[in-house]
Amino acid sequence: MALQEIYDYFRNYDKNTYQVFACIGNEPSESEISAFENSI
């Protein structure tokens, strides 16, 4: 999937069906991501 297709999806997704949000200020740290990657 091209990056443009992803942008288009999020500009036009059904807001009544999906909730898209960001973790600004509460995003996982690099060490948390590494630990998750190692666990899977």
N, C-alpha and C. Protein backbone atom coordinates (compact mmCIF):
# COMPACT_ATOMS: atom_id res chain seq x y z
N MET A 1 0.86 -1.18 0.00
CA MET A 1 0.00 0.00 0.00
C MET A 1 0.90 1.23 0.00
N ALA A 2 0.60 2.14 -0.88
CA ALA A 2 1.37 3.37 -0.99
C ALA A 2 1.01 4.33 0.15
N LEU A 3 1.95 5.15 0.52
CA LEU A 3 1.74 6.11 1.60
C LEU A 3 0.57 7.04 1.27
N GLN A 4 0.43 7.43 0.01
CA GLN A 4 -0.67 8.30 -0.39
C GLN A 4 -2.02 7.63 -0.12
N GLU A 5 -2.11 6.32 -0.34
CA GLU A 5 -3.35 5.60 -0.06
C GLU A 5 -3.69 5.64 1.43
N ILE A 6 -2.69 5.56 2.27
CA ILE A 6 -2.91 5.64 3.72
C ILE A 6 -3.41 7.03 4.09
N TYR A 7 -2.76 8.07 3.56
CA TYR A 7 -3.22 9.44 3.82
C TYR A 7 -4.68 9.61 3.37
N ASP A 8 -4.98 9.12 2.17
CA ASP A 8 -6.35 9.24 1.65
C ASP A 8 -7.34 8.52 2.55
N TYR A 9 -6.97 7.36 3.03
CA TYR A 9 -7.87 6.61 3.92
C TYR A 9 -8.21 7.43 5.16
N PHE A 10 -7.20 7.98 5.81
CA PHE A 10 -7.44 8.71 7.05
C PHE A 10 -8.14 10.05 6.82
N ARG A 11 -8.06 10.57 5.62
CA ARG A 11 -8.82 11.78 5.31
C ARG A 11 -10.29 11.47 5.06
N ASN A 12 -10.60 10.22 4.69
CA ASN A 12 -11.95 9.87 4.27
C ASN A 12 -12.58 8.71 5.03
N TYR A 13 -11.99 8.25 6.12
CA TYR A 13 -12.53 7.09 6.83
C TYR A 13 -13.88 7.42 7.47
N ASP A 14 -14.65 6.40 7.76
CA ASP A 14 -15.98 6.56 8.35
C ASP A 14 -15.83 6.88 9.83
N LYS A 15 -16.00 8.12 10.20
CA LYS A 15 -15.78 8.56 11.58
C LYS A 15 -16.80 7.98 12.56
N ASN A 16 -17.93 7.48 12.04
CA ASN A 16 -18.93 6.85 12.91
C ASN A 16 -18.57 5.41 13.23
N THR A 17 -17.69 4.82 12.43
CA THR A 17 -17.30 3.43 12.62
C THR A 17 -15.96 3.30 13.34
N TYR A 18 -15.03 4.18 13.01
CA TYR A 18 -13.68 4.08 13.54
C TYR A 18 -13.32 5.31 14.35
N GLN A 19 -12.50 5.11 15.36
CA GLN A 19 -11.94 6.23 16.11
C GLN A 19 -10.43 6.17 15.95
N VAL A 20 -9.87 7.22 15.40
CA VAL A 20 -8.43 7.31 15.20
C VAL A 20 -7.92 8.38 16.14
N PHE A 21 -6.89 8.05 16.91
CA PHE A 21 -6.37 9.01 17.88
C PHE A 21 -4.87 8.86 17.99
N ALA A 22 -4.25 9.82 18.59
CA ALA A 22 -2.80 9.81 18.79
C ALA A 22 -2.50 9.69 20.28
N CYS A 23 -1.28 9.32 20.57
CA CYS A 23 -0.84 9.14 21.96
C CYS A 23 0.05 10.29 22.40
N ILE A 24 -0.17 11.45 21.87
CA ILE A 24 0.71 12.58 22.17
C ILE A 24 0.80 12.78 23.68
N GLY A 25 2.01 12.71 24.17
CA GLY A 25 2.26 12.86 25.60
C GLY A 25 2.18 11.56 26.37
N ASN A 26 1.66 10.50 25.73
CA ASN A 26 1.52 9.21 26.41
C ASN A 26 2.05 8.08 25.52
N GLU A 27 2.90 8.44 24.55
CA GLU A 27 3.44 7.44 23.63
C GLU A 27 4.46 6.55 24.35
N PRO A 28 4.63 5.33 23.86
CA PRO A 28 5.60 4.43 24.50
C PRO A 28 7.03 4.91 24.26
N SER A 29 7.88 4.63 25.22
CA SER A 29 9.28 5.02 25.10
C SER A 29 10.01 4.03 24.18
N GLU A 30 11.21 4.40 23.78
CA GLU A 30 12.02 3.51 22.93
C GLU A 30 12.25 2.17 23.63
N SER A 31 12.50 2.20 24.95
CA SER A 31 12.75 0.96 25.68
C SER A 31 11.49 0.10 25.76
N GLU A 32 10.33 0.72 25.90
CA GLU A 32 9.07 -0.03 25.90
C GLU A 32 8.81 -0.68 24.55
N ILE A 33 9.12 0.04 23.48
CA ILE A 33 8.96 -0.52 22.14
C ILE A 33 9.91 -1.69 21.94
N SER A 34 11.15 -1.52 22.37
CA SER A 34 12.15 -2.62 22.25
C SER A 34 11.71 -3.83 23.04
N ALA A 35 11.21 -3.62 24.24
CA ALA A 35 10.75 -4.74 25.07
C ALA A 35 9.58 -5.46 24.40
N PHE A 36 8.67 -4.69 23.82
CA PHE A 36 7.55 -5.30 23.11
C PHE A 36 8.04 -6.10 21.91
N GLU A 37 8.94 -5.50 21.12
CA GLU A 37 9.47 -6.21 19.96
C GLU A 37 10.17 -7.50 20.36
N ASN A 38 10.91 -7.47 21.46
CA ASN A 38 11.59 -8.67 21.92
C ASN A 38 10.63 -9.73 22.40
N SER A 39 9.47 -9.30 22.91
CA SER A 39 8.50 -10.27 23.43
C SER A 39 7.74 -10.98 22.32
N ILE A 40 7.69 -10.34 21.14
CA ILE A 40 6.99 -11.01 20.04
C ILE A 40 8.00 -11.57 19.09
